[in-house]
Amino acid sequence: AYLRVGQVVPRQDRGTALLCPFDPLIFFRPRVERLFGG
């Protein structure tokens, strides 16, 4: 994978929201499965 140089890695899980089917966080379905435990 690729990461911006100097990227800060958060220590806590945060973020609560409803995501529409075309939200950028879930654009690419294979990535969604990798990021969010299948």
ModelCIF file with pLDDT and N, C-alpha, C, O atoms, coordinates in Angstrom:
data_MODEL
#
_entry.id   MODEL 
#
_entity.id                         1 
_entity.type                       polymer 
_entity.pdbx_number_of_molecules   1 
#
_entity_poly.entity_id                      1 
_entity_poly.type                           'polypeptide(L)' 
_entity_poly.nstd_linkage                   no 
_entity_poly.nstd_monomer                   no 
_entity_poly.pdbx_seq_one_letter_code       AYLRVGQVVPRQDRGTALLCPFDPLIFFRPRVERLFGG 
_entity_poly.pdbx_seq_one_letter_code_can   AYLRVGQVVPRQDRGTALLCPFDPLIFFRPRVERLFGG 
_entity_poly.pdbx_strand_id                 A 
#
loop_
_entity_poly_seq.entity_id 
_entity_poly_seq.num 
_entity_poly_seq.mon_id 
_entity_poly_seq.hetero 
1 1  ALA n 
1 2  TYR n 
1 3  LEU n 
1 4  ARG n 
1 5  VAL n 
1 6  GLY n 
1 7  GLN n 
1 8  VAL n 
1 9  VAL n 
1 10 PRO n 
1 11 ARG n 
1 12 GLN n 
1 13 ASP n 
1 14 ARG n 
1 15 GLY n 
1 16 THR n 
1 17 ALA n 
1 18 LEU n 
1 19 LEU n 
1 20 CYS n 
1 21 PRO n 
1 22 PHE n 
1 23 ASP n 
1 24 PRO n 
1 25 LEU n 
1 26 ILE n 
1 27 PHE n 
1 28 PHE n 
1 29 ARG n 
1 30 PRO n 
1 31 ARG n 
1 32 VAL n 
1 33 GLU n 
1 34 ARG n 
1 35 LEU n 
1 36 PHE n 
1 37 GLY n 
1 38 GLY n 
#
_struct_asym.id          A 
_struct_asym.entity_id   1 
#
loop_
_ma_qa_metric.id 
_ma_qa_metric.mode 
_ma_qa_metric.name 
_ma_qa_metric.software_group_id 
_ma_qa_metric.type 
1 global pLDDT . pLDDT 
2 local  pLDDT . pLDDT 
#
_ma_qa_metric_global.metric_id      1 
_ma_qa_metric_global.metric_value   95.74 
_ma_qa_metric_global.model_id       1 
_ma_qa_metric_global.ordinal_id     1 
#
loop_
_ma_qa_metric_local.label_asym_id 
_ma_qa_metric_local.label_comp_id 
_ma_qa_metric_local.label_seq_id 
_ma_qa_metric_local.metric_id 
_ma_qa_metric_local.metric_value 
_ma_qa_metric_local.model_id 
_ma_qa_metric_local.ordinal_id 
A ALA 1  2 98.00 1 1  
A TYR 2  2 98.00 1 2  
A LEU 3  2 97.00 1 3  
A ARG 4  2 94.00 1 4  
A VAL 5  2 93.00 1 5  
A GLY 6  2 90.00 1 6  
A GLN 7  2 91.00 1 7  
A VAL 8  2 92.00 1 8  
A VAL 9  2 94.00 1 9  
A PRO 10 2 95.00 1 10 
A ARG 11 2 93.00 1 11 
A GLN 12 2 94.00 1 12 
A ASP 13 2 94.00 1 13 
A ARG 14 2 95.00 1 14 
A GLY 15 2 97.00 1 15 
A THR 16 2 98.00 1 16 
A ALA 17 2 98.00 1 17 
A LEU 18 2 98.00 1 18 
A LEU 19 2 98.00 1 19 
A CYS 20 2 97.00 1 20 
A PRO 21 2 96.00 1 21 
A PHE 22 2 97.00 1 22 
A ASP 23 2 98.00 1 23 
A PRO 24 2 98.00 1 24 
A LEU 25 2 98.00 1 25 
A ILE 26 2 97.00 1 26 
A PHE 27 2 95.00 1 27 
A PHE 28 2 97.00 1 28 
A ARG 29 2 96.00 1 29 
A PRO 30 2 96.00 1 30 
A ARG 31 2 97.00 1 31 
A VAL 32 2 98.00 1 32 
A GLU 33 2 97.00 1 33 
A ARG 34 2 96.00 1 34 
A LEU 35 2 97.00 1 35 
A PHE 36 2 97.00 1 36 
A GLY 37 2 92.00 1 37 
A GLY 38 2 92.00 1 38 
#
loop_
_atom_site.group_PDB 
_atom_site.id 
_atom_site.type_symbol 
_atom_site.label_atom_id 
_atom_site.label_alt_id 
_atom_site.label_comp_id 
_atom_site.label_asym_id 
_atom_site.label_entity_id 
_atom_site.label_seq_id 
_atom_site.pdbx_PDB_ins_code 
_atom_site.Cartn_x 
_atom_site.Cartn_y 
_atom_site.Cartn_z 
_atom_site.occupancy 
_atom_site.B_iso_or_equiv 
_atom_site.pdbx_formal_charge 
_atom_site.auth_seq_id 
_atom_site.auth_comp_id 
_atom_site.auth_asym_id 
_atom_site.auth_atom_id 
_atom_site.pdbx_PDB_model_num 
ATOM 1   N N  . ALA A 1 1  ? 0.848   -1.193 0.000  1.00 98.00 ? 1  ALA A N  1 
ATOM 2   C CA . ALA A 1 1  ? 0.000   0.000  0.000  1.00 98.00 ? 1  ALA A CA 1 
ATOM 3   C C  . ALA A 1 1  ? 0.883   1.242  0.000  1.00 98.00 ? 1  ALA A C  1 
ATOM 4   O O  . ALA A 1 1  ? 2.102   1.168  0.154  1.00 98.00 ? 1  ALA A O  1 
ATOM 5   N N  . TYR A 1 2  ? 0.223   2.387  -0.178 1.00 98.00 ? 2  TYR A N  1 
ATOM 6   C CA . TYR A 1 2  ? 0.920   3.675  -0.224 1.00 98.00 ? 2  TYR A CA 1 
ATOM 7   C C  . TYR A 1 2  ? 0.303   4.608  0.803  1.00 98.00 ? 2  TYR A C  1 
ATOM 8   O O  . TYR A 1 2  ? -0.913  4.645  0.992  1.00 98.00 ? 2  TYR A O  1 
ATOM 9   N N  . LEU A 1 3  ? 1.185   5.367  1.465  1.00 97.00 ? 3  LEU A N  1 
ATOM 10  C CA . LEU A 1 3  ? 0.802   6.258  2.553  1.00 97.00 ? 3  LEU A CA 1 
ATOM 11  C C  . LEU A 1 3  ? 1.488   7.597  2.316  1.00 97.00 ? 3  LEU A C  1 
ATOM 12  O O  . LEU A 1 3  ? 2.647   7.641  1.903  1.00 97.00 ? 3  LEU A O  1 
ATOM 13  N N  . ARG A 1 4  ? 0.766   8.696  2.581  1.00 94.00 ? 4  ARG A N  1 
ATOM 14  C CA . ARG A 1 4  ? 1.416   10.010 2.503  1.00 94.00 ? 4  ARG A CA 1 
ATOM 15  C C  . ARG A 1 4  ? 2.544   10.076 3.524  1.00 94.00 ? 4  ARG A C  1 
ATOM 16  O O  . ARG A 1 4  ? 2.360   9.688  4.678  1.00 94.00 ? 4  ARG A O  1 
ATOM 17  N N  . VAL A 1 5  ? 3.692   10.556 3.115  1.00 93.00 ? 5  VAL A N  1 
ATOM 18  C CA . VAL A 1 5  ? 4.810   10.714 4.043  1.00 93.00 ? 5  VAL A CA 1 
ATOM 19  C C  . VAL A 1 5  ? 4.398   11.681 5.153  1.00 93.00 ? 5  VAL A C  1 
ATOM 20  O O  . VAL A 1 5  ? 3.872   12.761 4.882  1.00 93.00 ? 5  VAL A O  1 
ATOM 21  N N  . GLY A 1 6  ? 4.639   11.287 6.393  1.00 90.00 ? 6  GLY A N  1 
ATOM 22  C CA . GLY A 1 6  ? 4.260   12.108 7.532  1.00 90.00 ? 6  GLY A CA 1 
ATOM 23  C C  . GLY A 1 6  ? 2.838   11.898 8.016  1.00 90.00 ? 6  GLY A C  1 
ATOM 24  O O  . GLY A 1 6  ? 2.393   12.577 8.941  1.00 90.00 ? 6  GLY A O  1 
ATOM 25  N N  . GLN A 1 7  ? 2.113   10.961 7.400  1.00 91.00 ? 7  GLN A N  1 
ATOM 26  C CA . GLN A 1 7  ? 0.734   10.696 7.791  1.00 91.00 ? 7  GLN A CA 1 
ATOM 27  C C  . GLN A 1 7  ? 0.650   10.270 9.263  1.00 91.00 ? 7  GLN A C  1 
ATOM 28  O O  . GLN A 1 7  ? 1.368   9.368  9.696  1.00 91.00 ? 7  GLN A O  1 
ATOM 29  N N  . VAL A 1 8  ? -0.220  10.915 10.014 1.00 92.00 ? 8  VAL A N  1 
ATOM 30  C CA . VAL A 1 8  ? -0.439  10.554 11.410 1.00 92.00 ? 8  VAL A CA 1 
ATOM 31  C C  . VAL A 1 8  ? -1.402  9.369  11.478 1.00 92.00 ? 8  VAL A C  1 
ATOM 32  O O  . VAL A 1 8  ? -2.435  9.363  10.808 1.00 92.00 ? 8  VAL A O  1 
ATOM 33  N N  . VAL A 1 9  ? -1.063  8.377  12.281 1.00 94.00 ? 9  VAL A N  1 
ATOM 34  C CA . VAL A 1 9  ? -1.932  7.215  12.464 1.00 94.00 ? 9  VAL A CA 1 
ATOM 35  C C  . VAL A 1 9  ? -2.742  7.416  13.747 1.00 94.00 ? 9  VAL A C  1 
ATOM 36  O O  . VAL A 1 9  ? -2.169  7.397  14.837 1.00 94.00 ? 9  VAL A O  1 
ATOM 37  N N  . PRO A 1 10 ? -4.056  7.608  13.642 1.00 95.00 ? 10 PRO A N  1 
ATOM 38  C CA . PRO A 1 10 ? -4.864  7.823  14.849 1.00 95.00 ? 10 PRO A CA 1 
ATOM 39  C C  . PRO A 1 10 ? -4.770  6.636  15.808 1.00 95.00 ? 10 PRO A C  1 
ATOM 40  O O  . PRO A 1 10 ? -4.602  5.490  15.389 1.00 95.00 ? 10 PRO A O  1 
ATOM 41  N N  . ARG A 1 11 ? -4.878  6.929  17.075 1.00 93.00 ? 11 ARG A N  1 
ATOM 42  C CA . ARG A 1 11 ? -4.794  5.869  18.083 1.00 93.00 ? 11 ARG A CA 1 
ATOM 43  C C  . ARG A 1 11 ? -6.152  5.311  18.461 1.00 93.00 ? 11 ARG A C  1 
ATOM 44  O O  . ARG A 1 11 ? -6.243  4.228  19.040 1.00 93.00 ? 11 ARG A O  1 
ATOM 45  N N  . GLN A 1 12 ? -7.210  6.046  18.136 1.00 94.00 ? 12 GLN A N  1 
ATOM 46  C CA . GLN A 1 12 ? -8.555  5.617  18.529 1.00 94.00 ? 12 GLN A CA 1 
ATOM 47  C C  . GLN A 1 12 ? -9.449  5.477  17.310 1.00 94.00 ? 12 GLN A C  1 
ATOM 48  O O  . GLN A 1 12 ? -9.273  6.161  16.302 1.00 94.00 ? 12 GLN A O  1 
ATOM 49  N N  . ASP A 1 13 ? -10.419 4.566  17.430 1.00 94.00 ? 13 ASP A N  1 
ATOM 50  C CA . ASP A 1 13 ? -11.459 4.427  16.408 1.00 94.00 ? 13 ASP A CA 1 
ATOM 51  C C  . ASP A 1 13 ? -12.513 5.495  16.637 1.00 94.00 ? 13 ASP A C  1 
ATOM 52  O O  . ASP A 1 13 ? -13.127 5.545  17.703 1.00 94.00 ? 13 ASP A O  1 
ATOM 53  N N  . ARG A 1 14 ? -12.728 6.346  15.648 1.00 95.00 ? 14 ARG A N  1 
ATOM 54  C CA . ARG A 1 14 ? -13.754 7.380  15.742 1.00 95.00 ? 14 ARG A CA 1 
ATOM 55  C C  . ARG A 1 14 ? -14.480 7.466  14.412 1.00 95.00 ? 14 ARG A C  1 
ATOM 56  O O  . ARG A 1 14 ? -13.988 6.997  13.385 1.00 95.00 ? 14 ARG A O  1 
ATOM 57  N N  . GLY A 1 15 ? -15.651 8.069  14.445 1.00 97.00 ? 15 GLY A N  1 
ATOM 58  C CA . GLY A 1 15 ? -16.418 8.272  13.236 1.00 97.00 ? 15 GLY A CA 1 
ATOM 59  C C  . GLY A 1 15 ? -17.711 7.487  13.240 1.00 97.00 ? 15 GLY A C  1 
ATOM 60  O O  . GLY A 1 15 ? -17.697 6.257  13.188 1.00 97.00 ? 15 GLY A O  1 
ATOM 61  N N  . THR A 1 16 ? -18.836 8.197  13.303 1.00 98.00 ? 16 THR A N  1 
ATOM 62  C CA . THR A 1 16 ? -20.164 7.573  13.285 1.00 98.00 ? 16 THR A CA 1 
ATOM 63  C C  . THR A 1 16 ? -21.002 8.289  12.241 1.00 98.00 ? 16 THR A C  1 
ATOM 64  O O  . THR A 1 16 ? -21.157 9.509  12.297 1.00 98.00 ? 16 THR A O  1 
ATOM 65  N N  . ALA A 1 17 ? -21.546 7.537  11.285 1.00 98.00 ? 17 ALA A N  1 
ATOM 66  C CA . ALA A 1 17 ? -22.304 8.159  10.196 1.00 98.00 ? 17 ALA A CA 1 
ATOM 67  C C  . ALA A 1 17 ? -23.021 7.096  9.375  1.00 98.00 ? 17 ALA A C  1 
ATOM 68  O O  . ALA A 1 17 ? -22.605 5.939  9.323  1.00 98.00 ? 17 ALA A O  1 
ATOM 69  N N  . LEU A 1 18 ? -24.103 7.515  8.740  1.00 98.00 ? 18 LEU A N  1 
ATOM 70  C CA . LEU A 1 18 ? -24.739 6.729  7.686  1.00 98.00 ? 18 LEU A CA 1 
ATOM 71  C C  . LEU A 1 18 ? -24.032 7.050  6.373  1.00 98.00 ? 18 LEU A C  1 
ATOM 72  O O  . LEU A 1 18 ? -23.753 8.213  6.084  1.00 98.00 ? 18 LEU A O  1 
ATOM 73  N N  . LEU A 1 19 ? -23.746 6.029  5.588  1.00 98.00 ? 19 LEU A N  1 
ATOM 74  C CA . LEU A 1 19 ? -23.037 6.203  4.323  1.00 98.00 ? 19 LEU A CA 1 
ATOM 75  C C  . LEU A 1 19 ? -23.957 5.830  3.169  1.00 98.00 ? 19 LEU A C  1 
ATOM 76  O O  . LEU A 1 19 ? -24.475 4.714  3.113  1.00 98.00 ? 19 LEU A O  1 
ATOM 77  N N  . CYS A 1 20 ? -24.156 6.768  2.248  1.00 97.00 ? 20 CYS A N  1 
ATOM 78  C CA . CYS A 1 20 ? -24.964 6.445  1.079  1.00 97.00 ? 20 CYS A CA 1 
ATOM 79  C C  . CYS A 1 20 ? -24.181 5.481  0.181  1.00 97.00 ? 20 CYS A C  1 
ATOM 80  O O  . CYS A 1 20 ? -22.960 5.383  0.303  1.00 97.00 ? 20 CYS A O  1 
ATOM 81  N N  . PRO A 1 21 ? -24.865 4.773  -0.714 1.00 96.00 ? 21 PRO A N  1 
ATOM 82  C CA . PRO A 1 21 ? -24.171 3.779  -1.544 1.00 96.00 ? 21 PRO A CA 1 
ATOM 83  C C  . PRO A 1 21 ? -23.029 4.336  -2.381 1.00 96.00 ? 21 PRO A C  1 
ATOM 84  O O  . PRO A 1 21 ? -22.170 3.577  -2.831 1.00 96.00 ? 21 PRO A O  1 
ATOM 85  N N  . PHE A 1 22 ? -23.002 5.660  -2.601 1.00 97.00 ? 22 PHE A N  1 
ATOM 86  C CA . PHE A 1 22 ? -21.960 6.251  -3.432 1.00 97.00 ? 22 PHE A CA 1 
ATOM 87  C C  . PHE A 1 22 ? -21.005 7.117  -2.621 1.00 97.00 ? 22 PHE A C  1 
ATOM 88  O O  . PHE A 1 22 ? -20.384 8.033  -3.160 1.00 97.00 ? 22 PHE A O  1 
ATOM 89  N N  . ASP A 1 23 ? -20.885 6.830  -1.324 1.00 98.00 ? 23 ASP A N  1 
ATOM 90  C CA . ASP A 1 23 ? -19.956 7.576  -0.474 1.00 98.00 ? 23 ASP A CA 1 
ATOM 91  C C  . ASP A 1 23 ? -18.517 7.232  -0.850 1.00 98.00 ? 23 ASP A C  1 
ATOM 92  O O  . ASP A 1 23 ? -18.214 6.065  -1.096 1.00 98.00 ? 23 ASP A O  1 
ATOM 93  N N  . PRO A 1 24 ? -17.617 8.231  -0.899 1.00 98.00 ? 24 PRO A N  1 
ATOM 94  C CA . PRO A 1 24 ? -16.227 7.943  -1.278 1.00 98.00 ? 24 PRO A CA 1 
ATOM 95  C C  . PRO A 1 24 ? -15.524 6.925  -0.387 1.00 98.00 ? 24 PRO A C  1 
ATOM 96  O O  . PRO A 1 24 ? -14.617 6.234  -0.851 1.00 98.00 ? 24 PRO A O  1 
ATOM 97  N N  . LEU A 1 25 ? -15.919 6.814  0.879  1.00 98.00 ? 25 LEU A N  1 
ATOM 98  C CA . LEU A 1 25 ? -15.282 5.823  1.747  1.00 98.00 ? 25 LEU A CA 1 
ATOM 99  C C  . LEU A 1 25 ? -15.510 4.404  1.238  1.00 98.00 ? 25 LEU A C  1 
ATOM 100 O O  . LEU A 1 25 ? -14.687 3.521  1.479  1.00 98.00 ? 25 LEU A O  1 
ATOM 101 N N  . ILE A 1 26 ? -16.618 4.177  0.536  1.00 97.00 ? 26 ILE A N  1 
ATOM 102 C CA . ILE A 1 26 ? -16.954 2.815  0.105  1.00 97.00 ? 26 ILE A CA 1 
ATOM 103 C C  . ILE A 1 26 ? -17.021 2.692  -1.417 1.00 97.00 ? 26 ILE A C  1 
ATOM 104 O O  . ILE A 1 26 ? -17.688 1.798  -1.938 1.00 97.00 ? 26 ILE A O  1 
ATOM 105 N N  . PHE A 1 27 ? -16.330 3.590  -2.135 1.00 95.00 ? 27 PHE A N  1 
ATOM 106 C CA . PHE A 1 27 ? -16.306 3.522  -3.601 1.00 95.00 ? 27 PHE A CA 1 
ATOM 107 C C  . PHE A 1 27 ? -15.909 2.130  -4.102 1.00 95.00 ? 27 PHE A C  1 
ATOM 108 O O  . PHE A 1 27 ? -16.602 1.531  -4.924 1.00 95.00 ? 27 PHE A O  1 
ATOM 109 N N  . PHE A 1 28 ? -14.789 1.632  -3.595 1.00 97.00 ? 28 PHE A N  1 
ATOM 110 C CA . PHE A 1 28 ? -14.159 0.433  -4.152 1.00 97.00 ? 28 PHE A CA 1 
ATOM 111 C C  . PHE A 1 28 ? -14.429 -0.748 -3.245 1.00 97.00 ? 28 PHE A C  1 
ATOM 112 O O  . PHE A 1 28 ? -13.856 -0.852 -2.160 1.00 97.00 ? 28 PHE A O  1 
ATOM 113 N N  . ARG A 1 29 ? -15.301 -1.638 -3.690 1.00 96.00 ? 29 ARG A N  1 
ATOM 114 C CA . ARG A 1 29 ? -15.798 -2.708 -2.817 1.00 96.00 ? 29 ARG A CA 1 
ATOM 115 C C  . ARG A 1 29 ? -14.704 -3.650 -2.301 1.00 96.00 ? 29 ARG A C  1 
ATOM 116 O O  . ARG A 1 29 ? -14.758 -4.033 -1.132 1.00 96.00 ? 29 ARG A O  1 
ATOM 117 N N  . PRO A 1 30 ? -13.712 -4.042 -3.117 1.00 96.00 ? 30 PRO A N  1 
ATOM 118 C CA . PRO A 1 30 ? -12.647 -4.886 -2.545 1.00 96.00 ? 30 PRO A CA 1 
ATOM 119 C C  . PRO A 1 30 ? -11.911 -4.205 -1.393 1.00 96.00 ? 30 PRO A C  1 
ATOM 120 O O  . PRO A 1 30 ? -11.525 -4.865 -0.428 1.00 96.00 ? 30 PRO A O  1 
ATOM 121 N N  . ARG A 1 31 ? -11.718 -2.903 -1.487 1.00 97.00 ? 31 ARG A N  1 
ATOM 122 C CA . ARG A 1 31 ? -11.065 -2.160 -0.406 1.00 97.00 ? 31 ARG A CA 1 
ATOM 123 C C  . ARG A 1 31 ? -11.931 -2.162 0.848  1.00 97.00 ? 31 ARG A C  1 
ATOM 124 O O  . ARG A 1 31 ? -11.419 -2.304 1.958  1.00 97.00 ? 31 ARG A O  1 
ATOM 125 N N  . VAL A 1 32 ? -13.240 -2.004 0.676  1.00 98.00 ? 32 VAL A N  1 
ATOM 126 C CA . VAL A 1 32 ? -14.162 -2.027 1.815  1.00 98.00 ? 32 VAL A CA 1 
ATOM 127 C C  . VAL A 1 32 ? -14.032 -3.348 2.570  1.00 98.00 ? 32 VAL A C  1 
ATOM 128 O O  . VAL A 1 32 ? -13.995 -3.365 3.800  1.00 98.00 ? 32 VAL A O  1 
ATOM 129 N N  . GLU A 1 33 ? -13.965 -4.449 1.831  1.00 97.00 ? 33 GLU A N  1 
ATOM 130 C CA . GLU A 1 33 ? -13.842 -5.760 2.476  1.00 97.00 ? 33 GLU A CA 1 
ATOM 131 C C  . GLU A 1 33 ? -12.523 -5.872 3.232  1.00 97.00 ? 33 GLU A C  1 
ATOM 132 O O  . GLU A 1 33 ? -12.482 -6.440 4.323  1.00 97.00 ? 33 GLU A O  1 
ATOM 133 N N  . ARG A 1 34 ? -11.439 -5.334 2.658  1.00 96.00 ? 34 ARG A N  1 
ATOM 134 C CA . ARG A 1 34 ? -10.143 -5.391 3.342  1.00 96.00 ? 34 ARG A CA 1 
ATOM 135 C C  . ARG A 1 34 ? -10.132 -4.529 4.599  1.00 96.00 ? 34 ARG A C  1 
ATOM 136 O O  . ARG A 1 34 ? -9.607  -4.934 5.637  1.00 96.00 ? 34 ARG A O  1 
ATOM 137 N N  . LEU A 1 35 ? -10.716 -3.337 4.496  1.00 97.00 ? 35 LEU A N  1 
ATOM 138 C CA . LEU A 1 35 ? -10.663 -2.396 5.611  1.00 97.00 ? 35 LEU A CA 1 
ATOM 139 C C  . LEU A 1 35 ? -11.559 -2.794 6.767  1.00 97.00 ? 35 LEU A C  1 
ATOM 140 O O  . LEU A 1 35 ? -11.206 -2.601 7.930  1.00 97.00 ? 35 LEU A O  1 
ATOM 141 N N  . PHE A 1 36 ? -12.721 -3.353 6.447  1.00 97.00 ? 36 PHE A N  1 
ATOM 142 C CA . PHE A 1 36 ? -13.757 -3.526 7.469  1.00 97.00 ? 36 PHE A CA 1 
ATOM 143 C C  . PHE A 1 36 ? -14.110 -4.992 7.699  1.00 97.00 ? 36 PHE A C  1 
ATOM 144 O O  . PHE A 1 36 ? -15.282 -5.362 7.774  1.00 97.00 ? 36 PHE A O  1 
ATOM 145 N N  . GLY A 1 37 ? -13.080 -5.808 7.809  1.00 92.00 ? 37 GLY A N  1 
ATOM 146 C CA . GLY A 1 37 ? -13.259 -7.174 8.258  1.00 92.00 ? 37 GLY A CA 1 
ATOM 147 C C  . GLY A 1 37 ? -14.200 -8.008 7.419  1.00 92.00 ? 37 GLY A C  1 
ATOM 148 O O  . GLY A 1 37 ? -14.994 -8.777 7.959  1.00 92.00 ? 37 GLY A O  1 
ATOM 149 N N  . GLY A 1 38 ? -14.125 -7.868 6.098  1.00 92.00 ? 38 GLY A N  1 
ATOM 150 C CA . GLY A 1 38 ? -14.952 -8.686 5.225  1.00 92.00 ? 38 GLY A CA 1 
ATOM 151 C C  . GLY A 1 38 ? -16.335 -8.142 4.970  1.00 92.00 ? 38 GLY A C  1 
ATOM 152 O O  . GLY A 1 38 ? -17.117 -8.758 4.245  1.00 92.00 ? 38 GLY A O  1 
#
